[in-house]
N, C-alpha and C. Protein backbone atom coordinates (compact mmCIF):
# COMPACT_ATOMS: atom_id res chain seq x y z
N MET A 1 11.78 -0.03 20.46
CA MET A 1 10.90 0.72 19.58
C MET A 1 10.00 1.60 20.45
N SER A 2 9.83 2.83 20.05
CA SER A 2 9.05 3.76 20.86
C SER A 2 7.55 3.46 20.75
N LYS A 3 6.81 3.94 21.73
CA LYS A 3 5.36 3.74 21.75
C LYS A 3 4.70 4.44 20.57
N LYS A 4 5.28 5.57 20.17
CA LYS A 4 4.73 6.32 19.03
C LYS A 4 4.81 5.49 17.75
N ILE A 5 5.93 4.83 17.53
CA ILE A 5 6.10 4.01 16.34
C ILE A 5 5.17 2.80 16.39
N ILE A 6 5.08 2.16 17.53
CA ILE A 6 4.19 1.00 17.68
C ILE A 6 2.75 1.39 17.39
N LYS A 7 2.34 2.55 17.89
CA LYS A 7 0.98 3.02 17.65
C LYS A 7 0.76 3.26 16.16
N ARG A 8 1.72 3.92 15.49
CA ARG A 8 1.60 4.20 14.06
C ARG A 8 1.53 2.90 13.26
N VAL A 9 2.38 1.95 13.58
CA VAL A 9 2.40 0.67 12.87
C VAL A 9 1.05 -0.02 12.98
N ASN A 10 0.50 -0.06 14.20
CA ASN A 10 -0.79 -0.70 14.40
C ASN A 10 -1.92 0.03 13.66
N GLU A 11 -1.90 1.34 13.69
CA GLU A 11 -2.93 2.12 12.99
C GLU A 11 -2.87 1.89 11.48
N ILE A 12 -1.67 1.91 10.93
CA ILE A 12 -1.51 1.70 9.50
C ILE A 12 -1.93 0.28 9.12
N ALA A 13 -1.52 -0.69 9.92
CA ALA A 13 -1.89 -2.08 9.64
C ALA A 13 -3.40 -2.26 9.68
N ASP A 14 -4.05 -1.70 10.68
CA ASP A 14 -5.51 -1.80 10.78
C ASP A 14 -6.18 -1.16 9.57
N TYR A 15 -5.66 -0.02 9.14
CA TYR A 15 -6.23 0.68 7.99
C TYR A 15 -6.10 -0.17 6.73
N ILE A 16 -4.90 -0.72 6.49
CA ILE A 16 -4.69 -1.51 5.27
C ILE A 16 -5.54 -2.78 5.29
N ILE A 17 -5.64 -3.42 6.44
CA ILE A 17 -6.47 -4.63 6.54
C ILE A 17 -7.93 -4.30 6.25
N LYS A 18 -8.39 -3.19 6.78
CA LYS A 18 -9.79 -2.80 6.58
C LYS A 18 -10.07 -2.35 5.15
N SER A 19 -9.19 -1.52 4.60
CA SER A 19 -9.45 -0.90 3.29
C SER A 19 -8.82 -1.61 2.11
N LYS A 20 -7.81 -2.45 2.35
CA LYS A 20 -7.04 -3.11 1.28
C LYS A 20 -6.35 -2.09 0.39
N ASP A 21 -6.05 -0.93 0.93
CA ASP A 21 -5.45 0.16 0.17
C ASP A 21 -3.97 -0.12 -0.11
N THR A 22 -3.42 0.58 -1.09
CA THR A 22 -2.02 0.41 -1.45
C THR A 22 -1.11 1.17 -0.50
N ILE A 23 0.16 0.86 -0.55
CA ILE A 23 1.14 1.55 0.29
C ILE A 23 1.18 3.03 -0.07
N ARG A 24 1.14 3.33 -1.37
CA ARG A 24 1.20 4.72 -1.83
C ARG A 24 0.04 5.54 -1.27
N ASN A 25 -1.18 5.03 -1.38
CA ASN A 25 -2.34 5.76 -0.88
C ASN A 25 -2.33 5.83 0.65
N THR A 26 -1.91 4.77 1.29
CA THR A 26 -1.83 4.75 2.75
C THR A 26 -0.84 5.79 3.24
N ALA A 27 0.29 5.91 2.56
CA ALA A 27 1.31 6.90 2.94
C ALA A 27 0.73 8.31 2.85
N LYS A 28 -0.05 8.58 1.81
CA LYS A 28 -0.66 9.90 1.67
C LYS A 28 -1.63 10.18 2.82
N ILE A 29 -2.44 9.19 3.16
CA ILE A 29 -3.43 9.37 4.22
C ILE A 29 -2.78 9.62 5.57
N PHE A 30 -1.71 8.86 5.88
CA PHE A 30 -1.05 8.98 7.17
C PHE A 30 0.06 10.02 7.18
N LYS A 31 0.27 10.67 6.02
CA LYS A 31 1.27 11.74 5.89
C LYS A 31 2.68 11.29 6.30
N VAL A 32 3.05 10.10 5.80
CA VAL A 32 4.41 9.58 5.95
C VAL A 32 4.87 9.12 4.57
N SER A 33 6.14 8.80 4.46
CA SER A 33 6.65 8.37 3.16
C SER A 33 6.26 6.92 2.86
N LYS A 34 6.32 6.57 1.58
CA LYS A 34 6.05 5.19 1.18
C LYS A 34 7.07 4.25 1.83
N SER A 35 8.30 4.72 1.93
CA SER A 35 9.34 3.92 2.56
C SER A 35 9.03 3.60 4.02
N THR A 36 8.47 4.59 4.72
CA THR A 36 8.10 4.39 6.12
C THR A 36 7.00 3.36 6.23
N VAL A 37 5.98 3.47 5.40
CA VAL A 37 4.88 2.50 5.45
C VAL A 37 5.41 1.11 5.13
N HIS A 38 6.24 1.02 4.11
CA HIS A 38 6.78 -0.28 3.71
C HIS A 38 7.62 -0.89 4.84
N LYS A 39 8.49 -0.09 5.44
CA LYS A 39 9.33 -0.59 6.53
C LYS A 39 8.48 -0.99 7.73
N ASP A 40 7.47 -0.17 8.02
CA ASP A 40 6.57 -0.49 9.13
C ASP A 40 5.89 -1.83 8.91
N MET A 41 5.42 -2.08 7.69
CA MET A 41 4.65 -3.29 7.42
C MET A 41 5.55 -4.51 7.23
N GLN A 42 6.75 -4.33 6.69
CA GLN A 42 7.63 -5.46 6.42
C GLN A 42 8.54 -5.84 7.58
N GLU A 43 9.01 -4.87 8.34
CA GLU A 43 10.00 -5.15 9.36
C GLU A 43 9.47 -4.99 10.79
N ARG A 44 8.71 -3.95 11.01
CA ARG A 44 8.29 -3.66 12.39
C ARG A 44 7.05 -4.43 12.81
N LEU A 45 6.11 -4.61 11.90
CA LEU A 45 4.84 -5.25 12.25
C LEU A 45 5.04 -6.68 12.72
N ILE A 46 5.96 -7.40 12.11
CA ILE A 46 6.18 -8.80 12.51
C ILE A 46 6.67 -8.89 13.95
N LEU A 47 7.36 -7.87 14.41
CA LEU A 47 7.84 -7.85 15.80
C LEU A 47 6.72 -7.49 16.77
N ILE A 48 5.73 -6.76 16.27
CA ILE A 48 4.64 -6.26 17.13
C ILE A 48 3.47 -7.23 17.15
N ASN A 49 3.04 -7.69 15.96
CA ASN A 49 1.84 -8.52 15.88
C ASN A 49 1.94 -9.44 14.66
N LYS A 50 2.24 -10.70 14.89
CA LYS A 50 2.44 -11.65 13.79
C LYS A 50 1.16 -11.94 13.01
N ASN A 51 0.01 -11.92 13.69
CA ASN A 51 -1.26 -12.18 13.00
C ASN A 51 -1.57 -11.08 12.00
N LYS A 52 -1.39 -9.82 12.41
CA LYS A 52 -1.62 -8.71 11.48
C LYS A 52 -0.61 -8.76 10.34
N TYR A 53 0.62 -9.15 10.66
CA TYR A 53 1.66 -9.23 9.64
C TYR A 53 1.25 -10.21 8.54
N GLN A 54 0.70 -11.35 8.92
CA GLN A 54 0.28 -12.36 7.93
C GLN A 54 -0.82 -11.81 7.03
N LYS A 55 -1.75 -11.06 7.61
CA LYS A 55 -2.84 -10.47 6.82
C LYS A 55 -2.30 -9.42 5.86
N ILE A 56 -1.40 -8.57 6.35
CA ILE A 56 -0.79 -7.52 5.51
C ILE A 56 0.02 -8.16 4.39
N LYS A 57 0.76 -9.19 4.71
CA LYS A 57 1.59 -9.86 3.70
C LYS A 57 0.72 -10.38 2.56
N LYS A 58 -0.42 -10.96 2.88
CA LYS A 58 -1.33 -11.47 1.85
C LYS A 58 -1.87 -10.32 0.98
N ILE A 59 -2.26 -9.23 1.60
CA ILE A 59 -2.77 -8.07 0.86
C ILE A 59 -1.69 -7.51 -0.06
N MET A 60 -0.48 -7.37 0.46
CA MET A 60 0.61 -6.82 -0.36
C MET A 60 0.95 -7.75 -1.52
N ASN A 61 0.92 -9.05 -1.29
CA ASN A 61 1.17 -10.00 -2.38
C ASN A 61 0.08 -9.90 -3.46
N ASP A 62 -1.16 -9.71 -3.04
CA ASP A 62 -2.25 -9.52 -4.00
C ASP A 62 -2.01 -8.28 -4.84
N HIS A 63 -1.53 -7.20 -4.22
CA HIS A 63 -1.23 -5.97 -4.95
C HIS A 63 -0.11 -6.20 -5.97
N ILE A 64 0.89 -6.96 -5.57
CA ILE A 64 2.01 -7.24 -6.48
C ILE A 64 1.53 -8.06 -7.68
N GLU A 65 0.64 -9.02 -7.43
CA GLU A 65 0.15 -9.88 -8.50
C GLU A 65 -0.72 -9.12 -9.51
N THR A 66 -1.37 -8.05 -9.08
CA THR A 66 -2.28 -7.33 -9.98
C THR A 66 -1.71 -6.03 -10.52
N ARG A 67 -0.51 -5.65 -10.13
CA ARG A 67 -0.01 -4.34 -10.55
C ARG A 67 0.23 -4.25 -12.05
N HIS A 68 0.63 -5.34 -12.69
CA HIS A 68 0.84 -5.29 -14.14
C HIS A 68 -0.47 -5.04 -14.87
N ILE A 69 -1.58 -5.52 -14.32
CA ILE A 69 -2.88 -5.29 -14.94
C ILE A 69 -3.27 -3.82 -14.80
N LYS A 70 -3.09 -3.28 -13.61
CA LYS A 70 -3.43 -1.87 -13.37
C LYS A 70 -2.56 -0.95 -14.21
N GLY A 71 -1.28 -1.27 -14.31
CA GLY A 71 -0.37 -0.45 -15.12
C GLY A 71 -0.73 -0.49 -16.59
N GLY A 72 -1.09 -1.67 -17.09
CA GLY A 72 -1.50 -1.81 -18.48
C GLY A 72 -2.77 -1.02 -18.78
N GLU A 73 -3.71 -1.06 -17.86
CA GLU A 73 -4.96 -0.32 -18.04
C GLU A 73 -4.70 1.19 -18.03
N SER A 74 -3.82 1.64 -17.15
CA SER A 74 -3.47 3.07 -17.10
C SER A 74 -2.85 3.52 -18.42
N THR A 75 -1.97 2.70 -18.96
CA THR A 75 -1.32 3.03 -20.22
C THR A 75 -2.35 3.07 -21.35
N ARG A 76 -3.27 2.12 -21.37
CA ARG A 76 -4.32 2.10 -22.39
C ARG A 76 -5.17 3.36 -22.33
N GLN A 77 -5.54 3.77 -21.13
CA GLN A 77 -6.34 4.98 -20.96
C GLN A 77 -5.57 6.22 -21.42
N LEU A 78 -4.28 6.27 -21.13
CA LEU A 78 -3.43 7.39 -21.55
C LEU A 78 -3.46 7.53 -23.07
N PHE A 79 -3.25 6.43 -23.78
CA PHE A 79 -3.23 6.50 -25.24
C PHE A 79 -4.60 6.81 -25.81
N LEU A 80 -5.67 6.35 -25.18
CA LEU A 80 -7.01 6.71 -25.63
C LEU A 80 -7.25 8.21 -25.50
N ARG A 81 -6.79 8.80 -24.39
CA ARG A 81 -6.94 10.25 -24.20
C ARG A 81 -6.11 11.01 -25.23
N LYS A 82 -4.91 10.56 -25.51
CA LYS A 82 -4.06 11.22 -26.51
C LYS A 82 -4.70 11.15 -27.89
N ARG A 83 -5.32 10.02 -28.22
CA ARG A 83 -5.98 9.88 -29.52
C ARG A 83 -7.16 10.83 -29.64
N GLU A 84 -7.93 10.99 -28.56
CA GLU A 84 -9.09 11.89 -28.57
C GLU A 84 -8.64 13.35 -28.78
N VAL A 85 -7.55 13.74 -28.16
CA VAL A 85 -7.03 15.09 -28.30
C VAL A 85 -6.54 15.34 -29.73
N ALA A 86 -5.94 14.34 -30.33
CA ALA A 86 -5.39 14.48 -31.69
C ALA A 86 -6.51 14.60 -32.72
N LEU A 87 -7.67 14.02 -32.44
CA LEU A 87 -8.78 14.08 -33.42
C LEU A 87 -9.44 15.41 -33.31
């Protein structure tokens, strides 16, 4: 693995640990694809730093557990906006 990739993986991992941000938002900030961030965190990080990997894994699992709530709230807000426009 190149030094450039190792550096990117560590920077992204540090950012996610600090901010608890999602993969989608992290990808936008680092100007890489969601697939790249996901691969970096799931496959490459464990080879580079197991302690960071464990922290990232916990954060990502928390995101998975709460995504149905966030999606439901987004849908509710969408229909409220549509109702306001119709009135």
